[in-house]
Protein backbone atom coordinates (compact mmCIF):
# COMPACT_ATOMS: atom_id res chain seq x y z
CA LEU A 1 -34.01 13.31 53.35
CA VAL A 2 -34.26 9.52 53.11
CA GLU A 3 -34.58 9.70 49.33
CA GLU A 4 -31.76 12.23 49.05
CA THR A 5 -29.33 10.07 51.01
CA ALA A 6 -30.28 6.74 49.39
CA PRO A 7 -27.34 6.76 46.91
CA LEU A 8 -24.87 7.63 49.68
CA ARG A 9 -26.21 4.91 51.98
CA ALA A 10 -26.04 2.35 49.15
CA LYS A 11 -22.43 3.30 48.50
CA LEU A 12 -21.64 2.96 52.21
CA ASP A 13 -23.25 -0.49 52.29
CA GLU A 14 -20.97 -1.58 49.45
CA ALA A 15 -17.92 -0.49 51.48
CA LEU A 16 -18.79 -2.89 54.33
CA ILE A 17 -18.58 -6.64 54.60
CA PRO A 18 -22.11 -7.95 55.08
CA LYS A 19 -23.04 -9.81 58.26
CA ASP A 20 -22.68 -13.21 56.58
CA GLY A 21 -19.92 -12.19 54.15
CA THR A 22 -16.73 -13.16 55.99
CA ALA A 23 -16.08 -16.37 54.03
CA LEU A 24 -16.71 -14.64 50.70
CA PHE A 25 -14.38 -11.82 51.68
CA LEU A 26 -11.58 -14.25 52.59
CA GLU A 27 -12.10 -16.08 49.30
CA SER A 28 -11.88 -12.75 47.47
CA LEU A 29 -8.50 -12.03 49.12
CA GLU A 30 -7.22 -15.38 47.88
CA ARG A 31 -8.65 -14.69 44.41
CA VAL A 32 -6.99 -11.24 44.30
CA GLY A 33 -3.72 -12.91 45.22
CA ARG A 34 -4.01 -15.50 42.45
CA GLY A 35 -4.85 -12.74 39.98
CA GLY A 36 -1.76 -10.87 41.14
CA GLY A 37 0.50 -13.91 40.81
CA VAL A 38 0.95 -14.76 44.49
CA THR A 39 -0.26 -17.53 46.76
CA VAL A 40 -2.27 -16.24 49.73
CA GLN A 41 -2.60 -18.07 53.02
CA ILE A 42 -5.02 -16.80 55.66
CA GLU A 43 -3.39 -17.25 59.07
CA SER A 44 -5.90 -15.67 61.43
CA VAL A 45 -9.33 -14.07 61.48
CA GLU A 46 -10.77 -12.29 64.50
CA THR A 47 -13.47 -9.76 65.22
CA GLY A 48 -13.36 -6.78 67.53
CA ALA A 49 -15.39 -3.77 68.51
CA PHE A 50 -15.84 -0.91 66.09
CA PRO A 51 -15.70 2.24 68.22
CA ALA A 52 -18.14 4.38 66.25
CA SER A 53 -21.07 1.96 66.01
CA GLU A 54 -22.66 -0.94 67.81
CA ALA A 55 -24.02 -2.23 64.49
CA LEU A 56 -20.51 -2.71 63.07
CA GLU A 57 -17.40 -4.61 64.05
CA THR A 58 -13.80 -4.79 62.92
CA LEU A 59 -12.67 -7.93 61.12
CA ARG A 60 -8.90 -8.37 61.46
CA VAL A 61 -7.27 -10.73 58.97
CA GLY A 62 -3.69 -11.94 59.24
CA LEU A 63 -2.35 -13.39 56.01
CA TYR A 64 0.77 -13.94 54.02
CA ALA A 65 1.40 -14.03 50.30
CA THR A 66 4.36 -15.55 48.48
CA GLY A 67 5.62 -14.95 44.97
CA SER A 68 8.15 -12.99 42.96
CA TRP A 69 9.18 -9.50 44.07
CA GLU A 70 7.10 -7.88 41.31
CA ASN A 71 4.02 -9.92 42.19
CA ALA A 72 4.44 -9.32 45.92
CA VAL A 73 4.54 -5.56 45.35
CA ARG A 74 1.58 -5.81 42.95
CA PHE A 75 -0.38 -7.69 45.62
CA LEU A 76 0.24 -4.89 48.13
CA GLY A 77 -1.07 -2.40 45.59
CA LEU A 78 -4.16 -4.51 45.00
CA MET A 79 -4.81 -4.63 48.75
CA GLU A 80 -4.88 -0.83 48.77
CA LEU A 81 -7.52 -0.86 46.02
CA LEU A 82 -10.02 -3.15 47.74
CA PRO A 83 -13.53 -1.76 47.22
CA ILE A 84 -14.28 -1.86 50.95
CA GLN A 85 -13.26 0.25 53.92
CA SER A 86 -9.96 -1.30 55.01
CA PHE A 87 -6.82 -0.43 56.94
CA VAL A 88 -3.43 -2.08 56.61
CA GLU A 89 -2.25 -2.36 60.20
CA GLN A 90 1.07 -4.07 59.54
CA THR A 91 3.13 -5.13 56.55
CA VAL A 92 6.41 -7.03 56.51
CA ILE A 93 8.20 -7.99 53.31
CA GLY A 94 11.02 -10.52 53.38
CA ARG A 95 12.62 -13.34 51.48
CA GLY A 96 10.59 -16.46 50.93
CA ALA A 97 11.64 -20.10 51.09
CA SER A 98 13.48 -20.08 47.76
CA GLN A 99 15.93 -17.69 46.10
CA ASN A 100 13.31 -16.00 43.89
CA ASP A 101 10.40 -15.97 46.34
CA TRP A 102 9.32 -13.08 48.50
CA ARG A 103 6.86 -13.17 51.37
CA VAL A 104 4.44 -10.43 52.36
CA ASP A 105 2.98 -10.68 55.85
CA LEU A 106 -0.05 -8.44 56.19
CA THR A 107 -2.56 -7.58 58.89
CA LEU A 108 -5.67 -6.07 57.38
CA ALA A 109 -8.61 -4.62 59.29
CA VAL A 110 -11.96 -4.16 57.57
CA VAL A 111 -15.37 -2.94 58.69
CA LYS A 112 -18.09 -5.57 58.92
CA GLU A 113 -21.77 -5.55 59.80
CA LYS A 114 -22.58 -7.43 63.03
């Protein structure tokens, strides 16, 4: 059974943020934003209990991204395609500081190893 489930367990491990992977994950969000043409600012990071397991926790990230309308929408799409287990808890899209800027406020929850 252990051998049979090895590929599934490996895939599950890839869907989680490793115990010491928070900083790398936050950097990857910023990198995804740059690749999508927006500037990402991390506003808050907090951990909480994960109800189904004592070995896991929820990492909640509050961030905002600014850029053109097209890039803001692209960024939201990229957030949906993250290769980890994630949940968008809240999204607000509004005008940015200048005429052509838009701002996306996003609260993202991801599963992380304790």
